[in-house]
Amino acid sequence: MKLYLVRHGQTDLNKERRYQGRIDIALNNTGLEQVKKLSARLSSEPLNKVFTSPLERAHETASIIHNGRNIDLTSCADLVEMDFGQLEGKTYEEIIKIFPDWESSNVDFAFVGGECIDALVGRTGNFVNTLVGQPEDSNILIVSHSGCLRILLCLILGIDVAKWWQFKVDQAALTVIEYFPQSPVLVLFNDTSHLSKE
């Protein structure tokens, strides 16, 4: 099985470096251009199925890449971004002022009204179980968010989820994994070479 992991394109909140979480916002013009370039890159890939977060920025990204292919495009709630509760829309610097002892590797920590990393791990794990049931020769596109994709990488590659912050996942970046149950192989990571092409 081959997995194509994609983060959504840029939004205005991304541009301002703010944590979006569950704020449902569309791609901005830059994001749309990023995704069009990514779509062109993936146009020759034999995708069998697309899974996407239901949030607009991800679903819009998935729809552009799907682009009329005769394959399923499935919205999956397990792929939504982490819920940052009352701190959504704030920058990292603003969050640290409110929670100076916040440690991103603490899986039990939850922002007020939000979710803890352990909960994100649980629902991302549910999605991984969905993948296990797919045909071995599948080529699957997964469109999600930075937090969810980082946890997904940890779970698939067998890395301690406390290390999730050690993955950098850029907007409209492509990561590819050859998925073998015993030994998944990371083939491509956080590649944005398509964004520099005219």
N, C-alpha and C. Protein backbone atom coordinates (compact mmCIF):
# COMPACT_ATOMS: atom_id res chain seq x y z
N MET A 1 0.84 -1.19 0.00
CA MET A 1 0.00 0.00 0.00
C MET A 1 0.88 1.25 0.00
N LYS A 2 0.49 2.23 -0.77
CA LYS A 2 1.23 3.48 -0.81
C LYS A 2 0.35 4.59 -0.27
N LEU A 3 0.87 5.34 0.69
CA LEU A 3 0.13 6.43 1.32
C LEU A 3 0.74 7.77 0.92
N TYR A 4 -0.11 8.65 0.44
CA TYR A 4 0.30 10.01 0.09
C TYR A 4 -0.29 10.94 1.15
N LEU A 5 0.54 11.46 2.02
CA LEU A 5 0.07 12.33 3.10
C LEU A 5 0.25 13.79 2.69
N VAL A 6 -0.82 14.56 2.79
CA VAL A 6 -0.80 15.95 2.34
C VAL A 6 -1.40 16.85 3.41
N ARG A 7 -0.69 17.93 3.70
CA ARG A 7 -1.28 18.97 4.54
C ARG A 7 -1.98 19.97 3.62
N HIS A 8 -3.08 20.52 4.09
CA HIS A 8 -3.85 21.51 3.32
C HIS A 8 -2.97 22.70 2.95
N GLY A 9 -3.43 23.47 1.97
CA GLY A 9 -2.74 24.69 1.57
C GLY A 9 -2.92 25.81 2.59
N GLN A 10 -2.28 26.92 2.32
CA GLN A 10 -2.25 28.04 3.26
C GLN A 10 -3.61 28.70 3.44
N THR A 11 -3.87 29.14 4.66
CA THR A 11 -5.03 29.98 4.99
C THR A 11 -4.51 31.30 5.55
N ASP A 12 -5.41 32.25 5.76
CA ASP A 12 -4.98 33.53 6.33
C ASP A 12 -4.43 33.35 7.74
N LEU A 13 -4.98 32.41 8.51
CA LEU A 13 -4.47 32.17 9.86
C LEU A 13 -3.09 31.54 9.81
N ASN A 14 -2.84 30.66 8.83
CA ASN A 14 -1.48 30.12 8.64
C ASN A 14 -0.50 31.27 8.38
N LYS A 15 -0.91 32.17 7.52
CA LYS A 15 -0.05 33.29 7.14
C LYS A 15 0.33 34.11 8.36
N GLU A 16 -0.60 34.23 9.32
CA GLU A 16 -0.35 34.99 10.54
C GLU A 16 0.27 34.12 11.63
N ARG A 17 0.56 32.85 11.29
CA ARG A 17 1.18 31.88 12.22
C ARG A 17 0.33 31.70 13.48
N ARG A 18 -0.98 31.52 13.28
CA ARG A 18 -1.90 31.30 14.38
C ARG A 18 -2.39 29.85 14.38
N TYR A 19 -2.59 29.31 15.57
CA TYR A 19 -3.12 27.96 15.70
C TYR A 19 -4.59 27.95 15.29
N GLN A 20 -4.91 27.16 14.26
CA GLN A 20 -6.28 27.16 13.76
C GLN A 20 -7.15 26.15 14.48
N GLY A 21 -6.61 24.97 14.74
CA GLY A 21 -7.41 23.94 15.38
C GLY A 21 -8.69 23.67 14.61
N ARG A 22 -9.84 23.82 15.29
CA ARG A 22 -11.13 23.53 14.68
C ARG A 22 -11.78 24.75 14.00
N ILE A 23 -11.08 25.89 13.98
CA ILE A 23 -11.63 27.04 13.25
C ILE A 23 -11.76 26.63 11.80
N ASP A 24 -12.96 26.75 11.26
CA ASP A 24 -13.21 26.27 9.90
C ASP A 24 -13.04 27.42 8.92
N ILE A 25 -11.91 27.42 8.24
CA ILE A 25 -11.53 28.55 7.38
C ILE A 25 -11.09 28.00 6.02
N ALA A 26 -11.38 28.76 4.98
CA ALA A 26 -11.03 28.33 3.62
C ALA A 26 -9.57 28.65 3.30
N LEU A 27 -9.08 28.07 2.22
CA LEU A 27 -7.76 28.41 1.71
C LEU A 27 -7.76 29.86 1.23
N ASN A 28 -6.62 30.53 1.39
CA ASN A 28 -6.50 31.86 0.78
C ASN A 28 -5.96 31.70 -0.65
N ASN A 29 -5.72 32.79 -1.34
CA ASN A 29 -5.28 32.71 -2.74
C ASN A 29 -3.95 31.98 -2.88
N THR A 30 -3.05 32.21 -1.94
CA THR A 30 -1.77 31.49 -1.97
C THR A 30 -2.00 30.00 -1.79
N GLY A 31 -2.88 29.65 -0.86
CA GLY A 31 -3.19 28.25 -0.62
C GLY A 31 -3.78 27.57 -1.84
N LEU A 32 -4.66 28.26 -2.53
CA LEU A 32 -5.26 27.71 -3.75
C LEU A 32 -4.20 27.44 -4.81
N GLU A 33 -3.26 28.38 -4.97
CA GLU A 33 -2.18 28.20 -5.95
C GLU A 33 -1.27 27.04 -5.54
N GLN A 34 -0.99 26.93 -4.24
CA GLN A 34 -0.16 25.82 -3.76
C GLN A 34 -0.80 24.48 -4.10
N VAL A 35 -2.09 24.38 -3.84
CA VAL A 35 -2.79 23.11 -4.04
C VAL A 35 -2.92 22.78 -5.53
N LYS A 36 -3.09 23.79 -6.37
CA LYS A 36 -3.14 23.54 -7.81
C LYS A 36 -1.82 22.95 -8.30
N LYS A 37 -0.72 23.46 -7.78
CA LYS A 37 0.60 22.93 -8.15
C LYS A 37 0.78 21.50 -7.64
N LEU A 38 0.31 21.26 -6.42
CA LEU A 38 0.40 19.90 -5.87
C LEU A 38 -0.48 18.95 -6.67
N SER A 39 -1.66 19.42 -7.06
CA SER A 39 -2.56 18.60 -7.85
C SER A 39 -1.93 18.20 -9.18
N ALA A 40 -1.25 19.16 -9.81
CA ALA A 40 -0.56 18.87 -11.07
C ALA A 40 0.52 17.82 -10.86
N ARG A 41 1.21 17.92 -9.75
CA ARG A 41 2.26 16.94 -9.44
C ARG A 41 1.68 15.54 -9.26
N LEU A 42 0.51 15.46 -8.64
CA LEU A 42 -0.09 14.16 -8.34
C LEU A 42 -0.99 13.64 -9.47
N SER A 43 -1.13 14.42 -10.54
CA SER A 43 -2.10 14.07 -11.59
C SER A 43 -1.82 12.71 -12.24
N SER A 44 -0.58 12.29 -12.28
CA SER A 44 -0.24 11.00 -12.91
C SER A 44 -0.18 9.84 -11.91
N GLU A 45 -0.39 10.14 -10.64
CA GLU A 45 -0.36 9.08 -9.62
C GLU A 45 -1.67 8.30 -9.65
N PRO A 46 -1.59 6.97 -9.62
CA PRO A 46 -2.80 6.14 -9.72
C PRO A 46 -3.53 6.00 -8.37
N LEU A 47 -4.14 7.08 -7.92
CA LEU A 47 -4.83 7.04 -6.62
C LEU A 47 -6.09 6.20 -6.70
N ASN A 48 -6.34 5.42 -5.65
CA ASN A 48 -7.54 4.59 -5.57
C ASN A 48 -8.60 5.18 -4.65
N LYS A 49 -8.15 6.00 -3.69
CA LYS A 49 -9.09 6.52 -2.69
C LYS A 49 -8.50 7.77 -2.06
N VAL A 50 -9.39 8.66 -1.63
CA VAL A 50 -8.98 9.88 -0.94
C VAL A 50 -9.72 9.97 0.39
N PHE A 51 -8.96 10.15 1.48
CA PHE A 51 -9.54 10.43 2.79
C PHE A 51 -9.17 11.86 3.15
N THR A 52 -10.13 12.62 3.69
CA THR A 52 -9.84 13.99 4.07
C THR A 52 -10.52 14.38 5.37
N SER A 53 -9.88 15.30 6.07
CA SER A 53 -10.53 15.97 7.19
C SER A 53 -11.74 16.72 6.64
N PRO A 54 -12.83 16.80 7.41
CA PRO A 54 -14.00 17.54 6.94
C PRO A 54 -13.86 19.06 7.02
N LEU A 55 -12.83 19.57 7.68
CA LEU A 55 -12.66 21.02 7.77
C LEU A 55 -12.40 21.60 6.38
N GLU A 56 -12.93 22.78 6.13
CA GLU A 56 -12.97 23.34 4.77
C GLU A 56 -11.60 23.40 4.10
N ARG A 57 -10.58 23.84 4.83
CA ARG A 57 -9.25 23.99 4.21
C ARG A 57 -8.69 22.67 3.70
N ALA A 58 -8.97 21.58 4.43
CA ALA A 58 -8.51 20.27 4.02
C ALA A 58 -9.40 19.69 2.92
N HIS A 59 -10.70 19.81 3.11
CA HIS A 59 -11.63 19.26 2.12
C HIS A 59 -11.48 19.95 0.76
N GLU A 60 -11.23 21.25 0.79
CA GLU A 60 -11.00 22.01 -0.44
C GLU A 60 -9.72 21.51 -1.12
N THR A 61 -8.68 21.28 -0.34
CA THR A 61 -7.42 20.75 -0.86
C THR A 61 -7.64 19.39 -1.51
N ALA A 62 -8.35 18.51 -0.80
CA ALA A 62 -8.62 17.16 -1.32
C ALA A 62 -9.45 17.21 -2.60
N SER A 63 -10.43 18.10 -2.63
CA SER A 63 -11.31 18.20 -3.81
C SER A 63 -10.56 18.65 -5.05
N ILE A 64 -9.63 19.59 -4.87
CA ILE A 64 -8.83 20.07 -6.00
C ILE A 64 -7.94 18.95 -6.54
N ILE A 65 -7.34 18.18 -5.65
CA ILE A 65 -6.48 17.07 -6.08
C ILE A 65 -7.33 15.96 -6.69
N HIS A 66 -8.50 15.69 -6.10
CA HIS A 66 -9.41 14.66 -6.61
C HIS A 66 -9.81 14.97 -8.05
N ASN A 67 -10.20 16.23 -8.28
CA ASN A 67 -10.40 16.81 -9.60
C ASN A 67 -11.11 15.88 -10.60
N GLY A 68 -12.24 15.34 -10.19
CA GLY A 68 -13.04 14.54 -11.11
C GLY A 68 -12.58 13.11 -11.31
N ARG A 69 -11.58 12.66 -10.55
CA ARG A 69 -11.18 11.25 -10.65
C ARG A 69 -12.36 10.37 -10.26
N ASN A 70 -12.46 9.24 -10.88
CA ASN A 70 -13.56 8.33 -10.59
C ASN A 70 -13.20 7.43 -9.40
N ILE A 71 -12.94 8.07 -8.25
CA ILE A 71 -12.59 7.34 -7.03
C ILE A 71 -13.32 7.99 -5.86
N ASP A 72 -13.40 7.25 -4.76
CA ASP A 72 -14.08 7.77 -3.57
C ASP A 72 -13.30 8.91 -2.93
N LEU A 73 -14.03 9.93 -2.48
CA LEU A 73 -13.48 10.98 -1.64
C LEU A 73 -14.26 10.92 -0.34
N THR A 74 -13.60 10.45 0.71
CA THR A 74 -14.28 10.18 1.98
C THR A 74 -13.87 11.17 3.06
N SER A 75 -14.85 11.87 3.63
CA SER A 75 -14.61 12.77 4.74
C SER A 75 -14.52 11.95 6.03
N CYS A 76 -13.48 12.19 6.81
CA CYS A 76 -13.23 11.37 8.01
C CYS A 76 -12.97 12.26 9.22
N ALA A 77 -13.85 12.21 10.20
CA ALA A 77 -13.75 13.07 11.38
C ALA A 77 -12.47 12.79 12.19
N ASP A 78 -11.92 11.59 12.09
CA ASP A 78 -10.69 11.27 12.82
C ASP A 78 -9.48 12.06 12.33
N LEU A 79 -9.61 12.69 11.15
CA LEU A 79 -8.49 13.43 10.56
C LEU A 79 -8.55 14.93 10.82
N VAL A 80 -9.50 15.40 11.65
CA VAL A 80 -9.56 16.84 11.95
C VAL A 80 -8.37 17.24 12.82
N GLU A 81 -8.08 18.53 12.80
CA GLU A 81 -6.96 19.04 13.57
C GLU A 81 -7.24 18.96 15.07
N MET A 82 -6.19 19.02 15.86
CA MET A 82 -6.31 19.05 17.31
C MET A 82 -7.15 20.25 17.72
N ASP A 83 -7.97 20.06 18.74
CA ASP A 83 -8.82 21.12 19.27
C ASP A 83 -8.03 21.88 20.33
N PHE A 84 -7.72 23.15 20.05
CA PHE A 84 -6.97 23.97 21.00
C PHE A 84 -7.89 24.77 21.92
N GLY A 85 -9.19 24.48 21.88
CA GLY A 85 -10.12 25.10 22.81
C GLY A 85 -10.13 26.61 22.72
N GLN A 86 -10.10 27.25 23.87
CA GLN A 86 -10.21 28.70 23.94
C GLN A 86 -8.99 29.43 23.39
N LEU A 87 -7.92 28.69 23.09
CA LEU A 87 -6.72 29.33 22.60
C LEU A 87 -6.57 29.28 21.08
N GLU A 88 -7.60 28.77 20.41
CA GLU A 88 -7.54 28.75 18.95
C GLU A 88 -7.51 30.18 18.41
N GLY A 89 -6.73 30.37 17.37
CA GLY A 89 -6.57 31.69 16.78
C GLY A 89 -5.42 32.47 17.36
N LYS A 90 -4.76 31.92 18.39
CA LYS A 90 -3.62 32.61 19.01
C LYS A 90 -2.30 32.11 18.41
N THR A 91 -1.26 32.93 18.54
CA THR A 91 0.07 32.53 18.10
C THR A 91 0.73 31.69 19.19
N TYR A 92 1.82 31.01 18.84
CA TYR A 92 2.58 30.23 19.84
C TYR A 92 3.04 31.14 20.97
N GLU A 93 3.52 32.33 20.62
CA GLU A 93 4.01 33.26 21.64
C GLU A 93 2.90 33.67 22.61
N GLU A 94 1.70 33.88 22.09
CA GLU A 94 0.56 34.24 22.95
C GLU A 94 0.18 33.07 23.86
N ILE A 95 0.23 31.87 23.33
CA ILE A 95 -0.11 30.68 24.13
C ILE A 95 0.89 30.49 25.26
N ILE A 96 2.18 30.66 24.96
CA ILE A 96 3.22 30.47 25.98
C ILE A 96 3.09 31.49 27.11
N LYS A 97 2.62 32.68 26.79
CA LYS A 97 2.40 33.68 27.85
C LYS A 97 1.29 33.25 28.79
N ILE A 98 0.29 32.57 28.25
CA ILE A 98 -0.83 32.12 29.07
C ILE A 98 -0.48 30.82 29.81
N PHE A 99 0.25 29.91 29.11
CA PHE A 99 0.67 28.63 29.69
C PHE A 99 2.18 28.52 29.59
N PRO A 100 2.93 29.21 30.47
CA PRO A 100 4.40 29.22 30.37
C PRO A 100 5.04 27.84 30.57
N ASP A 101 4.33 26.92 31.20
CA ASP A 101 4.89 25.59 31.45
C ASP A 101 4.44 24.56 30.42
N TRP A 102 3.80 25.01 29.35
CA TRP A 102 3.32 24.06 28.35
C TRP A 102 4.49 23.35 27.70
N GLU A 103 4.42 22.05 27.70
CA GLU A 103 5.43 21.21 27.05
C GLU A 103 4.72 20.41 25.97
N SER A 104 5.10 20.62 24.71
CA SER A 104 4.38 20.01 23.59
C SER A 104 4.41 18.49 23.58
N SER A 105 5.36 17.89 24.32
CA SER A 105 5.45 16.43 24.35
C SER A 105 4.59 15.82 25.46
N ASN A 106 3.93 16.67 26.28
CA ASN A 106 3.07 16.18 27.36
C ASN A 106 1.74 15.71 26.77
N VAL A 107 1.56 14.39 26.70
CA VAL A 107 0.37 13.85 26.03
C VAL A 107 -0.90 14.02 26.86
N ASP A 108 -0.79 14.37 28.13
CA ASP A 108 -1.97 14.53 28.98
C ASP A 108 -2.48 15.97 29.03
N PHE A 109 -1.67 16.91 28.57
CA PHE A 109 -2.03 18.31 28.66
C PHE A 109 -3.16 18.65 27.70
N ALA A 110 -4.14 19.42 28.16
CA ALA A 110 -5.22 19.89 27.28
C ALA A 110 -5.48 21.36 27.57
N PHE A 111 -5.65 22.14 26.50
CA PHE A 111 -6.02 23.54 26.68
C PHE A 111 -7.48 23.61 27.13
N VAL A 112 -7.85 24.71 27.80
CA VAL A 112 -9.21 24.87 28.30
C VAL A 112 -10.21 24.74 27.14
N GLY A 113 -11.12 23.78 27.27
CA GLY A 113 -12.12 23.55 26.25
C GLY A 113 -11.61 22.78 25.04
N GLY A 114 -10.37 22.33 25.09
CA GLY A 114 -9.77 21.63 23.96
C GLY A 114 -9.53 20.16 24.24
N GLU A 115 -8.62 19.57 23.46
CA GLU A 115 -8.33 18.15 23.63
C GLU A 115 -6.85 17.96 23.92
N CYS A 116 -6.53 16.85 24.58
CA CYS A 116 -5.14 16.54 24.87
C CYS A 116 -4.56 15.72 23.71
N ILE A 117 -3.25 15.66 23.67
CA ILE A 117 -2.58 14.92 22.60
C ILE A 117 -2.99 13.45 22.62
N ASP A 118 -3.20 12.92 23.82
CA ASP A 118 -3.59 11.52 23.94
C ASP A 118 -4.91 11.25 23.20
N ALA A 119 -5.83 12.21 23.24
CA ALA A 119 -7.11 12.06 22.52
C ALA A 119 -6.87 12.11 21.01
N LEU A 120 -5.97 13.00 20.59
CA LEU A 120 -5.61 13.08 19.17
C LEU A 120 -4.98 11.76 18.71
N VAL A 121 -4.14 11.20 19.55
CA VAL A 121 -3.52 9.90 19.24
C VAL A 121 -4.59 8.82 19.10
N GLY A 122 -5.59 8.85 19.99
CA GLY A 122 -6.65 7.83 19.95
C GLY A 122 -7.43 7.85 18.66
N ARG A 123 -7.85 9.04 18.21
CA ARG A 123 -8.66 9.07 16.98
C ARG A 123 -7.80 8.87 15.74
N THR A 124 -6.55 9.31 15.79
CA THR A 124 -5.65 9.05 14.66
C THR A 124 -5.39 7.55 14.56
N GLY A 125 -5.27 6.89 15.72
CA GLY A 125 -5.11 5.44 15.74
C GLY A 125 -6.32 4.74 15.13
N ASN A 126 -7.51 5.28 15.35
CA ASN A 126 -8.72 4.72 14.73
C ASN A 126 -8.60 4.77 13.21
N PHE A 127 -8.07 5.88 12.71
CA PHE A 127 -7.90 6.01 11.26
C PHE A 127 -6.88 5.01 10.72
N VAL A 128 -5.80 4.81 11.45
CA VAL A 128 -4.79 3.82 11.04
C VAL A 128 -5.43 2.44 10.92
N ASN A 129 -6.33 2.12 11.84
CA ASN A 129 -7.03 0.83 11.77
C ASN A 129 -7.87 0.72 10.51
N THR A 130 -8.42 1.87 10.05
CA THR A 130 -9.17 1.89 8.79
C THR A 130 -8.25 1.53 7.62
N LEU A 131 -7.03 2.03 7.66
CA LEU A 131 -6.06 1.76 6.59
C LEU A 131 -5.71 0.29 6.50
N VAL A 132 -5.63 -0.35 7.65
CA VAL A 132 -5.24 -1.77 7.69
C VAL A 132 -6.20 -2.62 6.85
N GLY A 133 -7.45 -2.21 6.76
CA GLY A 133 -8.44 -2.98 6.01
C GLY A 133 -8.46 -2.71 4.51
N GLN A 134 -7.60 -1.80 4.02
CA GLN A 134 -7.57 -1.47 2.60
C GLN A 134 -6.77 -2.51 1.81
N PRO A 135 -7.09 -2.72 0.53
CA PRO A 135 -6.32 -3.67 -0.29
C PRO A 135 -4.84 -3.32 -0.32
N GLU A 136 -3.99 -4.34 -0.37
CA GLU A 136 -2.54 -4.14 -0.30
C GLU A 136 -1.98 -3.31 -1.45
N ASP A 137 -2.65 -3.33 -2.60
CA ASP A 137 -2.15 -2.58 -3.76
C ASP A 137 -2.75 -1.18 -3.87
N SER A 138 -3.37 -0.70 -2.80
CA SER A 138 -4.02 0.61 -2.82
C SER A 138 -3.00 1.75 -2.84
N ASN A 139 -3.40 2.85 -3.49
CA ASN A 139 -2.67 4.11 -3.46
C ASN A 139 -3.63 5.14 -2.86
N ILE A 140 -3.36 5.54 -1.63
CA ILE A 140 -4.34 6.32 -0.87
C ILE A 140 -3.81 7.71 -0.53
N LEU A 141 -4.61 8.72 -0.89
CA LEU A 141 -4.29 10.10 -0.54
C LEU A 141 -4.99 10.44 0.78
N ILE A 142 -4.23 11.02 1.71
CA ILE A 142 -4.76 11.43 3.01
C ILE A 142 -4.48 12.91 3.18
N VAL A 143 -5.54 13.72 3.27
CA VAL A 143 -5.38 15.17 3.41
C VAL A 143 -5.84 15.57 4.81
N SER A 144 -4.92 16.19 5.54
CA SER A 144 -5.24 16.52 6.93
C SER A 144 -4.48 17.77 7.35
N HIS A 145 -4.12 17.82 8.63
CA HIS A 145 -3.54 19.00 9.26
C HIS A 145 -2.21 18.65 9.92
N SER A 146 -1.45 19.66 10.25
CA SER A 146 -0.11 19.45 10.78
C SER A 146 -0.10 18.51 12.00
N GLY A 147 -0.93 18.80 13.00
CA GLY A 147 -0.92 17.99 14.22
C GLY A 147 -1.29 16.54 13.95
N CYS A 148 -2.36 16.36 13.22
CA CYS A 148 -2.85 15.02 12.92
C CYS A 148 -1.83 14.25 12.08
N LEU A 149 -1.22 14.90 11.09
CA LEU A 149 -0.24 14.22 10.23
C LEU A 149 1.01 13.84 11.02
N ARG A 150 1.42 14.68 11.95
CA ARG A 150 2.59 14.35 12.77
C ARG A 150 2.32 13.10 13.61
N ILE A 151 1.15 13.04 14.21
CA ILE A 151 0.80 11.86 15.00
C ILE A 151 0.67 10.64 14.10
N LEU A 152 0.09 10.81 12.93
CA LEU A 152 -0.06 9.71 11.97
C LEU A 152 1.31 9.14 11.60
N LEU A 153 2.28 10.01 11.36
CA LEU A 153 3.63 9.57 11.05
C LEU A 153 4.22 8.76 12.21
N CYS A 154 4.05 9.25 13.43
CA CYS A 154 4.55 8.53 14.61
C CYS A 154 3.94 7.14 14.70
N LEU A 155 2.62 7.06 14.56
CA LEU A 155 1.93 5.77 14.70
C LEU A 155 2.33 4.79 13.60
N ILE A 156 2.38 5.25 12.37
CA ILE A 156 2.70 4.36 11.25
C ILE A 156 4.15 3.90 11.31
N LEU A 157 5.06 4.81 11.69
CA LEU A 157 6.49 4.48 11.69
C LEU A 157 6.98 3.90 13.01
N GLY A 158 6.08 3.79 14.00
CA GLY A 158 6.46 3.20 15.28
C GLY A 158 7.34 4.10 16.13
N ILE A 159 7.10 5.40 16.06
CA ILE A 159 7.87 6.39 16.82
C ILE A 159 7.05 6.85 18.01
N ASP A 160 7.71 7.07 19.14
CA ASP A 160 7.04 7.56 20.35
C ASP A 160 6.27 8.84 20.02
N VAL A 161 4.97 8.86 20.32
CA VAL A 161 4.15 10.03 19.97
C VAL A 161 4.58 11.30 20.70
N ALA A 162 5.35 11.16 21.77
CA ALA A 162 5.87 12.34 22.45
C ALA A 162 6.86 13.10 21.57
N LYS A 163 7.30 12.48 20.49
CA LYS A 163 8.24 13.10 19.55
C LYS A 163 7.53 13.82 18.40
N TRP A 164 6.20 13.93 18.48
CA TRP A 164 5.43 14.47 17.36
C TRP A 164 5.90 15.83 16.88
N TRP A 165 6.41 16.67 17.77
CA TRP A 165 6.84 18.01 17.39
C TRP A 165 8.14 18.00 16.60
N GLN A 166 8.78 16.85 16.49
CA GLN A 166 10.05 16.78 15.77
C GLN A 166 9.86 16.60 14.26
N PHE A 167 8.60 16.51 13.82
CA PHE A 167 8.29 16.49 12.39
C PHE A 167 7.82 17.88 11.97
N LYS A 168 8.37 18.38 10.86
CA LYS A 168 7.92 19.65 10.30
C LYS A 168 7.04 19.32 9.10
N VAL A 169 5.80 19.80 9.11
CA VAL A 169 4.88 19.52 8.02
C VAL A 169 4.37 20.84 7.47
N ASP A 170 4.85 21.19 6.29
CA ASP A 170 4.51 22.47 5.67
C ASP A 170 3.18 22.41 4.92
N GLN A 171 2.64 23.59 4.63
CA GLN A 171 1.39 23.67 3.86
C GLN A 171 1.62 23.13 2.45
N ALA A 172 0.66 22.30 2.00
CA ALA A 172 0.69 21.70 0.66
C ALA A 172 1.92 20.84 0.42
N ALA A 173 2.52 20.34 1.51
CA ALA A 173 3.68 19.45 1.39
C ALA A 173 3.21 18.01 1.16
N LEU A 174 4.08 17.23 0.51
CA LEU A 174 3.78 15.83 0.22
C LEU A 174 4.75 14.93 0.97
N THR A 175 4.18 13.93 1.63
CA THR A 175 4.95 12.87 2.28
C THR A 175 4.42 11.55 1.74
N VAL A 176 5.32 10.63 1.43
CA VAL A 176 4.92 9.33 0.88
C VAL A 176 5.47 8.20 1.74
N ILE A 177 4.60 7.25 2.06
CA ILE A 177 4.99 6.08 2.84
C ILE A 177 4.58 4.82 2.09
N GLU A 178 5.53 3.92 1.93
CA GLU A 178 5.22 2.57 1.44
C GLU A 178 4.81 1.79 2.68
N TYR A 179 3.54 1.42 2.75
CA TYR A 179 3.02 0.81 3.98
C TYR A 179 3.06 -0.72 3.92
N PHE A 180 3.98 -1.28 4.70
CA PHE A 180 4.03 -2.71 4.92
C PHE A 180 3.76 -2.91 6.41
N PRO A 181 2.85 -3.82 6.79
CA PRO A 181 2.47 -3.95 8.21
C PRO A 181 3.64 -4.10 9.17
N GLN A 182 4.67 -4.85 8.80
CA GLN A 182 5.79 -5.06 9.71
C GLN A 182 6.83 -3.93 9.65
N SER A 183 6.98 -3.32 8.48
CA SER A 183 8.06 -2.33 8.35
C SER A 183 7.73 -1.25 7.31
N PRO A 184 6.89 -0.28 7.67
CA PRO A 184 6.59 0.83 6.77
C PRO A 184 7.88 1.60 6.42
N VAL A 185 7.93 2.10 5.19
CA VAL A 185 9.12 2.82 4.72
C VAL A 185 8.74 4.25 4.35
N LEU A 186 9.45 5.22 4.94
CA LEU A 186 9.25 6.62 4.61
C LEU A 186 10.03 6.91 3.32
N VAL A 187 9.31 7.11 2.22
CA VAL A 187 9.92 7.28 0.90
C VAL A 187 10.23 8.75 0.61
N LEU A 188 9.34 9.63 1.05
CA LEU A 188 9.46 11.07 0.78
C LEU A 188 8.87 11.80 1.98
N PHE A 189 9.55 12.88 2.42
CA PHE A 189 9.04 13.57 3.59
C PHE A 189 8.99 15.09 3.37
N ASN A 190 7.83 15.67 3.64
CA ASN A 190 7.61 17.12 3.65
C ASN A 190 8.17 17.80 2.40
N ASP A 191 7.92 17.21 1.26
CA ASP A 191 8.46 17.73 0.01
C ASP A 191 7.57 18.84 -0.55
N THR A 192 8.17 19.98 -0.84
CA THR A 192 7.42 21.11 -1.41
C THR A 192 8.07 21.59 -2.72
N SER A 193 8.83 20.72 -3.37
CA SER A 193 9.53 21.12 -4.59
C SER A 193 8.56 21.60 -5.68
N HIS A 194 7.34 21.06 -5.66
CA HIS A 194 6.33 21.46 -6.66
C HIS A 194 5.92 22.93 -6.50
N LEU A 195 6.09 23.49 -5.31
CA LEU A 195 5.66 24.87 -5.07
C LEU A 195 6.59 25.89 -5.70
N SER A 196 7.80 25.48 -6.01
CA SER A 196 8.78 26.41 -6.59
C SER A 196 8.71 26.43 -8.12
N LYS A 197 7.87 25.56 -8.69
CA LYS A 197 7.74 25.49 -10.15
C LYS A 197 6.74 26.52 -10.65
N GLU A 198 7.04 27.09 -11.81
CA GLU A 198 6.12 28.06 -12.43
C GLU A 198 4.92 27.36 -13.03
